[in-house]
Structure formats: C-alpha cells, structure tokens
C-alpha cells in the first residue's frame, strides 16, 4: 500500500477496534461514517486489508494480526498523550 493508503488502513484497524470496544457492530456503513469516507472506497480498502491478513472483510472484523496492529497504534497514541 502507498503511504496514504497505509494511513487509511491503520485508521480502519483502529476504528474496528474502537467500535468493538464500544460494543457497536462494525459494518461497512458504520465504518464509512466513522472515517468520513465513501462506502465503496471503504469496501475496497477492507478487501486490500483482508488480502494482507489484517481483517476478515466478509465479517468486517479484525483478525488477530489486525488486532495486534490496532492495539499497538492505540497504545502509541495513549503514550504520546501522557508524555505531552
């Protein structure tokens, strides 16, 4: 993935994690709304993330590999807030 796509992919992983934490069913519609993007663009990104083993696009869920990456991003953000 290109840098911008990589950032968008990480945002999708983080959003899936946060939706799950909030006990909100993750759907492509909910994710597109959360990330302020179009649903077709989001579905395309989910398919690419699925090909990398980070999400299960058919269920709109993180895989274990995707969960690890999402948690590392969330943890890094929390550490940055504490340091500021």
PDB file of N, CA and C in Angstrom:
ATOM      1  N   UNK A   1       0.839  -1.189   0.000  1.00  0.00           N
ATOM      2  CA  UNK A   1       0.000   0.000   0.000  1.00  0.00           C
ATOM      3  C   UNK A   1       0.876   1.241   0.000  1.00  0.00           C
ATOM      4  N   UNK A   2       0.372   2.291  -0.588  1.00  0.00           N
ATOM      5  CA  UNK A   2       1.075   3.566  -0.574  1.00  0.00           C
ATOM      6  C   UNK A   2       0.913   4.195   0.804  1.00  0.00           C
ATOM      7  N   UNK A   3       1.708   5.249   1.097  1.00  0.00           N
ATOM      8  CA  UNK A   3       1.682   5.876   2.423  1.00  0.00           C
ATOM      9  C   UNK A   3       0.285   6.318   2.839  1.00  0.00           C
ATOM     10  N   UNK A   4      -0.437   7.023   1.952  1.00  0.00           N
ATOM     11  CA  UNK A   4      -1.777   7.495   2.288  1.00  0.00           C
ATOM     12  C   UNK A   4      -2.716   6.313   2.520  1.00  0.00           C
ATOM     13  N   UNK A   5      -2.624   5.297   1.666  1.00  0.00           N
ATOM     14  CA  UNK A   5      -3.445   4.106   1.846  1.00  0.00           C
ATOM     15  C   UNK A   5      -3.072   3.379   3.131  1.00  0.00           C
ATOM     16  N   UNK A   6      -1.786   3.373   3.448  1.00  0.00           N
ATOM     17  CA  UNK A   6      -1.341   2.726   4.680  1.00  0.00           C
ATOM     18  C   UNK A   6      -1.940   3.434   5.893  1.00  0.00           C
ATOM     19  N   UNK A   7      -1.941   4.755   5.880  1.00  0.00           N
ATOM     20  CA  UNK A   7      -2.527   5.524   6.979  1.00  0.00           C
ATOM     21  C   UNK A   7      -4.029   5.269   7.078  1.00  0.00           C
ATOM     22  N   UNK A   8      -4.691   5.226   5.930  1.00  0.00           N
ATOM     23  CA  UNK A   8      -6.134   4.937   5.919  1.00  0.00           C
ATOM     24  C   UNK A   8      -6.397   3.530   6.444  1.00  0.00           C
ATOM     25  N   UNK A   9      -5.527   2.591   6.068  1.00  0.00           N
ATOM     26  CA  UNK A   9      -5.669   1.225   6.556  1.00  0.00           C
ATOM     27  C   UNK A   9      -5.526   1.144   8.064  1.00  0.00           C
ATOM     28  N   UNK A  10      -4.544   1.846   8.605  1.00  0.00           N
ATOM     29  CA  UNK A  10      -4.371   1.885  10.063  1.00  0.00           C
ATOM     30  C   UNK A  10      -5.574   2.524  10.739  1.00  0.00           C
ATOM     31  N   UNK A  11      -6.146   3.537  10.107  1.00  0.00           N
ATOM     32  CA  UNK A  11      -7.340   4.182  10.657  1.00  0.00           C
ATOM     33  C   UNK A  11      -8.516   3.211  10.689  1.00  0.00           C
ATOM     34  N   UNK A  12      -8.635   2.376   9.663  1.00  0.00           N
ATOM     35  CA  UNK A  12      -9.699   1.366   9.634  1.00  0.00           C
ATOM     36  C   UNK A  12      -9.492   0.362  10.764  1.00  0.00           C
ATOM     37  N   UNK A  13      -8.266  -0.092  10.950  1.00  0.00           N
ATOM     38  CA  UNK A  13      -7.979  -1.043  12.027  1.00  0.00           C
ATOM     39  C   UNK A  13      -8.317  -0.443  13.386  1.00  0.00           C
ATOM     40  N   UNK A  14      -7.916   0.798  13.582  1.00  0.00           N
ATOM     41  CA  UNK A  14      -8.200   1.466  14.854  1.00  0.00           C
ATOM     42  C   UNK A  14      -9.704   1.642  15.046  1.00  0.00           C
ATOM     43  N   UNK A  15     -10.412   2.021  13.989  1.00  0.00           N
ATOM     44  CA  UNK A  15     -11.865   2.207  14.082  1.00  0.00           C
ATOM     45  C   UNK A  15     -12.562   0.885  14.400  1.00  0.00           C
ATOM     46  N   UNK A  16     -12.136  -0.202  13.763  1.00  0.00           N
ATOM     47  CA  UNK A  16     -12.720  -1.511  14.068  1.00  0.00           C
ATOM     48  C   UNK A  16     -12.500  -1.872  15.532  1.00  0.00           C
ATOM     49  N   UNK A  17     -11.323  -1.574  16.031  1.00  0.00           N
ATOM     50  CA  UNK A  17     -11.019  -1.838  17.441  1.00  0.00           C
ATOM     51  C   UNK A  17     -11.917  -1.006  18.360  1.00  0.00           C
ATOM     52  N   UNK A  18     -12.024   0.285  18.078  1.00  0.00           N
ATOM     53  CA  UNK A  18     -12.828   1.172  18.925  1.00  0.00           C
ATOM     54  C   UNK A  18     -14.314   0.816  18.867  1.00  0.00           C
ATOM     55  N   UNK A  19     -14.816   0.463  17.695  1.00  0.00           N
ATOM     56  CA  UNK A  19     -16.217   0.048  17.586  1.00  0.00           C
ATOM     57  C   UNK A  19     -16.468  -1.206  18.420  1.00  0.00           C
ATOM     58  N   UNK A  20     -15.546  -2.156  18.353  1.00  0.00           N
ATOM     59  CA  UNK A  20     -15.694  -3.382  19.140  1.00  0.00           C
ATOM     60  C   UNK A  20     -15.659  -3.082  20.635  1.00  0.00           C
ATOM     61  N   UNK A  21     -14.777  -2.187  21.040  1.00  0.00           N
ATOM     62  CA  UNK A  21     -14.704  -1.809  22.465  1.00  0.00           C
ATOM     63  C   UNK A  21     -15.997  -1.166  22.931  1.00  0.00           C
ATOM     64  N   UNK A  22     -16.642  -0.412  22.046  1.00  0.00           N
ATOM     65  CA  UNK A  22     -17.900   0.241  22.388  1.00  0.00           C
ATOM     66  C   UNK A  22     -19.107  -0.652  22.187  1.00  0.00           C
ATOM     67  N   UNK A  23     -18.862  -1.935  21.893  1.00  0.00           N
ATOM     68  CA  UNK A  23     -19.918  -2.912  21.649  1.00  0.00           C
ATOM     69  C   UNK A  23     -20.856  -2.460  20.526  1.00  0.00           C
ATOM     70  N   UNK A  24     -20.268  -1.838  19.505  1.00  0.00           N
ATOM     71  CA  UNK A  24     -21.014  -1.384  18.333  1.00  0.00           C
ATOM     72  C   UNK A  24     -20.684  -2.332  17.191  1.00  0.00           C
ATOM     73  N   UNK A  25     -21.714  -2.866  16.561  1.00  0.00           N
ATOM     74  CA  UNK A  25     -21.498  -3.800  15.452  1.00  0.00           C
ATOM     75  C   UNK A  25     -20.827  -3.068  14.301  1.00  0.00           C
ATOM     76  N   UNK A  26     -19.691  -3.572  13.887  1.00  0.00           N
ATOM     77  CA  UNK A  26     -18.951  -2.958  12.782  1.00  0.00           C
ATOM     78  C   UNK A  26     -19.569  -3.389  11.458  1.00  0.00           C
ATOM     79  N   UNK A  27     -19.963  -2.416  10.672  1.00  0.00           N
ATOM     80  CA  UNK A  27     -20.461  -2.653   9.321  1.00  0.00           C
ATOM     81  C   UNK A  27     -19.708  -1.703   8.403  1.00  0.00           C
ATOM     82  N   UNK A  28     -19.662  -2.007   7.119  1.00  0.00           N
ATOM     83  CA  UNK A  28     -19.029  -1.053   6.203  1.00  0.00           C
ATOM     84  C   UNK A  28     -19.677   0.330   6.275  1.00  0.00           C
ATOM     85  N   UNK A  29     -20.988   0.364   6.470  1.00  0.00           N
ATOM     86  CA  UNK A  29     -21.689   1.644   6.575  1.00  0.00           C
ATOM     87  C   UNK A  29     -21.234   2.426   7.805  1.00  0.00           C
ATOM     88  N   UNK A  30     -21.151   1.743   8.957  1.00  0.00           N
ATOM     89  CA  UNK A  30     -20.727   2.400  10.197  1.00  0.00           C
ATOM     90  C   UNK A  30     -19.280   2.878  10.093  1.00  0.00           C
ATOM     91  N   UNK A  31     -18.422   2.044   9.506  1.00  0.00           N
ATOM     92  CA  UNK A  31     -17.017   2.432   9.343  1.00  0.00           C
ATOM     93  C   UNK A  31     -16.864   3.618   8.405  1.00  0.00           C
ATOM     94  N   UNK A  32     -17.586   3.597   7.292  1.00  0.00           N
ATOM     95  CA  UNK A  32     -17.507   4.710   6.339  1.00  0.00           C
ATOM     96  C   UNK A  32     -17.942   6.003   7.014  1.00  0.00           C
ATOM     97  N   UNK A  33     -18.992   5.920   7.823  1.00  0.00           N
ATOM     98  CA  UNK A  33     -19.468   7.098   8.546  1.00  0.00           C
ATOM     99  C   UNK A  33     -18.428   7.554   9.564  1.00  0.00           C
ATOM    100  N   UNK A  34     -17.876   6.620  10.325  1.00  0.00           N
ATOM    101  CA  UNK A  34     -16.881   6.913  11.363  1.00  0.00           C
ATOM    102  C   UNK A  34     -15.654   7.590  10.758  1.00  0.00           C
ATOM    103  N   UNK A  35     -15.225   7.088   9.597  1.00  0.00           N
ATOM    104  CA  UNK A  35     -13.999   7.580   8.966  1.00  0.00           C
ATOM    105  C   UNK A  35     -14.242   8.675   7.934  1.00  0.00           C
ATOM    106  N   UNK A  36     -15.500   9.058   7.784  1.00  0.00           N
ATOM    107  CA  UNK A  36     -15.883  10.121   6.844  1.00  0.00           C
ATOM    108  C   UNK A  36     -15.347   9.845   5.442  1.00  0.00           C
ATOM    109  N   UNK A  37     -15.654   8.656   4.942  1.00  0.00           N
ATOM    110  CA  UNK A  37     -15.256   8.259   3.595  1.00  0.00           C
ATOM    111  C   UNK A  37     -16.443   7.588   2.921  1.00  0.00           C
ATOM    112  N   UNK A  38     -16.324   7.357   1.644  1.00  0.00           N
ATOM    113  CA  UNK A  38     -17.429   6.709   0.931  1.00  0.00           C
ATOM    114  C   UNK A  38     -17.408   5.206   1.211  1.00  0.00           C
ATOM    115  N   UNK A  39     -18.572   4.628   1.176  1.00  0.00           N
ATOM    116  CA  UNK A  39     -18.672   3.194   1.422  1.00  0.00           C
ATOM    117  C   UNK A  39     -17.928   2.366   0.366  1.00  0.00           C
ATOM    118  N   UNK A  40     -18.018   2.705  -0.939  1.00  0.00           N
ATOM    119  CA  UNK A  40     -17.246   1.930  -1.923  1.00  0.00           C
ATOM    120  C   UNK A  40     -15.733   1.990  -1.675  1.00  0.00           C
ATOM    121  N   UNK A  41     -15.221   3.163  -1.306  1.00  0.00           N
ATOM    122  CA  UNK A  41     -13.787   3.277  -1.002  1.00  0.00           C
ATOM    123  C   UNK A  41     -13.423   2.423   0.209  1.00  0.00           C
ATOM    124  N   UNK A  42     -14.292   2.435   1.198  1.00  0.00           N
ATOM    125  CA  UNK A  42     -14.032   1.657   2.403  1.00  0.00           C
ATOM    126  C   UNK A  42     -14.056   0.164   2.096  1.00  0.00           C
ATOM    127  N   UNK A  43     -15.019  -0.276   1.315  1.00  0.00           N
ATOM    128  CA  UNK A  43     -15.090  -1.702   0.955  1.00  0.00           C
ATOM    129  C   UNK A  43     -13.829  -2.138   0.207  1.00  0.00           C
ATOM    130  N   UNK A  44     -13.342  -1.285  -0.694  1.00  0.00           N
ATOM    131  CA  UNK A  44     -12.108  -1.583  -1.425  1.00  0.00           C
ATOM    132  C   UNK A  44     -10.932  -1.718  -0.456  1.00  0.00           C
ATOM    133  N   UNK A  45     -10.861  -0.813   0.508  1.00  0.00           N
ATOM    134  CA  UNK A  45      -9.786  -0.857   1.497  1.00  0.00           C
ATOM    135  C   UNK A  45      -9.897  -2.113   2.368  1.00  0.00           C
ATOM    136  N   UNK A  46     -11.114  -2.487   2.748  1.00  0.00           N
ATOM    137  CA  UNK A  46     -11.306  -3.710   3.534  1.00  0.00           C
ATOM    138  C   UNK A  46     -10.813  -4.939   2.764  1.00  0.00           C
ATOM    139  N   UNK A  47     -11.079  -4.974   1.466  1.00  0.00           N
ATOM    140  CA  UNK A  47     -10.627  -6.101   0.643  1.00  0.00           C
ATOM    141  C   UNK A  47      -9.099  -6.164   0.614  1.00  0.00           C
ATOM    142  N   UNK A  48      -8.458  -5.001   0.496  1.00  0.00           N
ATOM    143  CA  UNK A  48      -6.990  -4.978   0.489  1.00  0.00           C
ATOM    144  C   UNK A  48      -6.417  -5.380   1.849  1.00  0.00           C
ATOM    145  N   UNK A  49      -7.064  -4.927   2.931  1.00  0.00           N
ATOM    146  CA  UNK A  49      -6.613  -5.316   4.272  1.00  0.00           C
ATOM    147  C   UNK A  49      -6.830  -6.809   4.504  1.00  0.00           C
ATOM    148  N   UNK A  50      -7.905  -7.347   3.946  1.00  0.00           N
ATOM    149  CA  UNK A  50      -8.179  -8.782   4.033  1.00  0.00           C
ATOM    150  C   UNK A  50      -7.065  -9.563   3.333  1.00  0.00           C
ATOM    151  N   UNK A  51      -6.647  -9.092   2.172  1.00  0.00           N
ATOM    152  CA  UNK A  51      -5.576  -9.762   1.421  1.00  0.00           C
ATOM    153  C   UNK A  51      -4.265  -9.779   2.205  1.00  0.00           C
ATOM    154  N   UNK A  52      -4.088  -8.810   3.106  1.00  0.00           N
ATOM    155  CA  UNK A  52      -2.883  -8.749   3.939  1.00  0.00           C
ATOM    156  C   UNK A  52      -3.050  -9.525   5.246  1.00  0.00           C
ATOM    157  N   UNK A  53      -4.250 -10.085   5.459  1.00  0.00           N
ATOM    158  CA  UNK A  53      -4.497 -10.866   6.663  1.00  0.00           C
ATOM    159  C   UNK A  53      -4.807 -10.035   7.894  1.00  0.00           C
ATOM    160  N   UNK A  54      -5.188  -8.768   7.705  1.00  0.00           N
ATOM    161  CA  UNK A  54      -5.441  -7.880   8.843  1.00  0.00           C
ATOM    162  C   UNK A  54      -6.912  -7.809   9.246  1.00  0.00           C
ATOM    163  N   UNK A  55      -7.812  -8.067   8.308  1.00  0.00           N
ATOM    164  CA  UNK A  55      -9.244  -8.071   8.608  1.00  0.00           C
ATOM    165  C   UNK A  55      -9.904  -9.238   7.887  1.00  0.00           C
ATOM    166  N   UNK A  56     -11.077  -9.588   8.368  1.00  0.00           N
ATOM    167  CA  UNK A  56     -11.960 -10.506   7.653  1.00  0.00           C
ATOM    168  C   UNK A  56     -13.011  -9.598   7.028  1.00  0.00           C
ATOM    169  N   UNK A  57     -12.849  -9.288   5.749  1.00  0.00           N
ATOM    170  CA  UNK A  57     -13.718  -8.311   5.085  1.00  0.00           C
ATOM    171  C   UNK A  57     -15.169  -8.775   5.043  1.00  0.00           C
ATOM    172  N   UNK A  58     -15.409 -10.063   4.924  1.00  0.00           N
ATOM    173  CA  UNK A  58     -16.787 -10.556   4.838  1.00  0.00           C
ATOM    174  C   UNK A  58     -17.539 -10.363   6.151  1.00  0.00           C
ATOM    175  N   UNK A  59     -16.826 -10.337   7.265  1.00  0.00           N
ATOM    176  CA  UNK A  59     -17.452 -10.140   8.580  1.00  0.00           C
ATOM    177  C   UNK A  59     -17.193  -8.749   9.153  1.00  0.00           C
ATOM    178  N   UNK A  60     -16.363  -7.963   8.481  1.00  0.00           N
ATOM    179  CA  UNK A  60     -15.952  -6.631   8.950  1.00  0.00           C
ATOM    180  C   UNK A  60     -15.404  -6.731  10.373  1.00  0.00           C
ATOM    181  N   UNK A  61     -14.401  -7.592  10.520  1.00  0.00           N
ATOM    182  CA  UNK A  61     -13.776  -7.830  11.822  1.00  0.00           C
ATOM    183  C   UNK A  61     -12.263  -7.869  11.682  1.00  0.00           C
ATOM    184  N   UNK A  62     -11.598  -7.541  12.776  1.00  0.00           N
ATOM    185  CA  UNK A  62     -10.142  -7.660  12.825  1.00  0.00           C
ATOM    186  C   UNK A  62      -9.740  -9.120  12.933  1.00  0.00           C
ATOM    187  N   UNK A  63      -8.641  -9.474  12.308  1.00  0.00           N
ATOM    188  CA  UNK A  63      -8.010 -10.763  12.574  1.00  0.00           C
ATOM    189  C   UNK A  63      -7.094 -10.550  13.775  1.00  0.00           C
ATOM    190  N   UNK A  64      -6.496 -11.617  14.269  1.00  0.00           N
ATOM    191  CA  UNK A  64      -5.551 -11.459  15.380  1.00  0.00           C
ATOM    192  C   UNK A  64      -4.396 -10.554  14.974  1.00  0.00           C
ATOM    193  N   UNK A  65      -3.908 -10.725  13.756  1.00  0.00           N
ATOM    194  CA  UNK A  65      -2.815  -9.885  13.255  1.00  0.00           C
ATOM    195  C   UNK A  65      -3.251  -8.418  13.206  1.00  0.00           C
ATOM    196  N   UNK A  66      -4.476  -8.170  12.761  1.00  0.00           N
ATOM    197  CA  UNK A  66      -5.003  -6.807  12.707  1.00  0.00           C
ATOM    198  C   UNK A  66      -5.212  -6.225  14.094  1.00  0.00           C
ATOM    199  N   UNK A  67      -5.649  -7.071  15.027  1.00  0.00           N
ATOM    200  CA  UNK A  67      -5.849  -6.623  16.402  1.00  0.00           C
ATOM    201  C   UNK A  67      -4.533  -6.176  17.024  1.00  0.00           C
ATOM    202  N   UNK A  68      -3.483  -6.941  16.807  1.00  0.00           N
ATOM    203  CA  UNK A  68      -2.164  -6.574  17.345  1.00  0.00           C
ATOM    204  C   UNK A  68      -1.730  -5.220  16.797  1.00  0.00           C
ATOM    205  N   UNK A  69      -1.898  -5.021  15.503  1.00  0.00           N
ATOM    206  CA  UNK A  69      -1.509  -3.752  14.888  1.00  0.00           C
ATOM    207  C   UNK A  69      -2.368  -2.597  15.408  1.00  0.00           C
ATOM    208  N   UNK A  70      -3.679  -2.822  15.536  1.00  0.00           N
ATOM    209  CA  UNK A  70      -4.574  -1.780  16.049  1.00  0.00           C
ATOM    210  C   UNK A  70      -4.209  -1.418  17.485  1.00  0.00           C
ATOM    211  N   UNK A  71      -3.954  -2.423  18.312  1.00  0.00           N
ATOM    212  CA  UNK A  71      -3.586  -2.163  19.708  1.00  0.00           C
ATOM    213  C   UNK A  71      -2.275  -1.408  19.814  1.00  0.00           C
ATOM    214  N   UNK A  72      -1.323  -1.719  18.953  1.00  0.00           N
ATOM    215  CA  UNK A  72      -0.050  -1.001  19.009  1.00  0.00           C
ATOM    216  C   UNK A  72      -0.245   0.462  18.628  1.00  0.00           C
ATOM    217  N   UNK A  73      -1.129   0.734  17.690  1.00  0.00           N
ATOM    218  CA  UNK A  73      -1.393   2.119  17.301  1.00  0.00           C
ATOM    219  C   UNK A  73      -2.105   2.867  18.427  1.00  0.00           C
ATOM    220  N   UNK A  74      -3.108   2.233  19.025  1.00  0.00           N
ATOM    221  CA  UNK A  74      -3.839   2.857  20.132  1.00  0.00           C
ATOM    222  C   UNK A  74      -2.901   3.087  21.308  1.00  0.00           C
ATOM    223  N   UNK A  75      -2.053   2.102  21.627  1.00  0.00           N
ATOM    224  CA  UNK A  75      -1.106   2.238  22.734  1.00  0.00           C
ATOM    225  C   UNK A  75      -0.104   3.349  22.507  1.00  0.00           C
ATOM    226  N   UNK A  76       0.389   3.481  21.292  1.00  0.00           N
ATOM    227  CA  UNK A  76       1.337   4.544  20.961  1.00  0.00           C
ATOM    228  C   UNK A  76       0.691   5.908  21.141  1.00  0.00           C
ATOM    229  N   UNK A  77      -0.552   6.028  20.729  1.00  0.00           N
ATOM    230  CA  UNK A  77      -1.272   7.298  20.862  1.00  0.00           C
ATOM    231  C   UNK A  77      -1.470   7.657  22.341  1.00  0.00           C
ATOM    232  N   UNK A  78      -1.810   6.666  23.173  1.00  0.00           N
ATOM    233  CA  UNK A  78      -2.006   6.920  24.603  1.00  0.00           C
ATOM    234  C   UNK A  78      -0.699   7.356  25.259  1.00  0.00           C
ATOM    235  N   UNK A  79       0.408   6.718  24.886  1.00  0.00           N
ATOM    236  CA  UNK A  79       1.704   7.104  25.445  1.00  0.00           C
ATOM    237  C   UNK A  79       2.070   8.524  25.045  1.00  0.00           C
ATOM    238  N   UNK A  80       1.771   8.902  23.825  1.00  0.00           N
ATOM    239  CA  UNK A  80       2.074  10.264  23.360  1.00  0.00           C
ATOM    240  C   UNK A  80       1.265  11.288  24.150  1.00  0.00           C
ATOM    241  N   UNK A  81       0.002  10.961  24.456  1.00  0.00           N
ATOM    242  CA  UNK A  81      -0.830  11.881  25.244  1.00  0.00           C
ATOM    243  C   UNK A  81      -0.279  12.043  26.654  1.00  0.00           C
ATOM    244  N   UNK A  82       0.171  10.941  27.251  1.00  0.00           N
ATOM    245  CA  UNK A  82       0.718  11.015  28.612  1.00  0.00           C
ATOM    246  C   UNK A  82       2.006  11.826  28.651  1.00  0.00           C
ATOM    247  N   UNK A  83       2.806  11.717  27.612  1.00  0.00           N
ATOM    248  CA  UNK A  83       4.089  12.422  27.558  1.00  0.00           C
ATOM    249  C   UNK A  83       3.909  13.918  27.328  1.00  0.00           C
ATOM    250  N   UNK A  84       2.795  14.311  26.746  1.00  0.00           N
ATOM    251  CA  UNK A  84       2.569  15.732  26.417  1.00  0.00           C
ATOM    252  C   UNK A  84       2.203  16.552  27.619  1.00  0.00           C
TER     253      UNK A  84
END
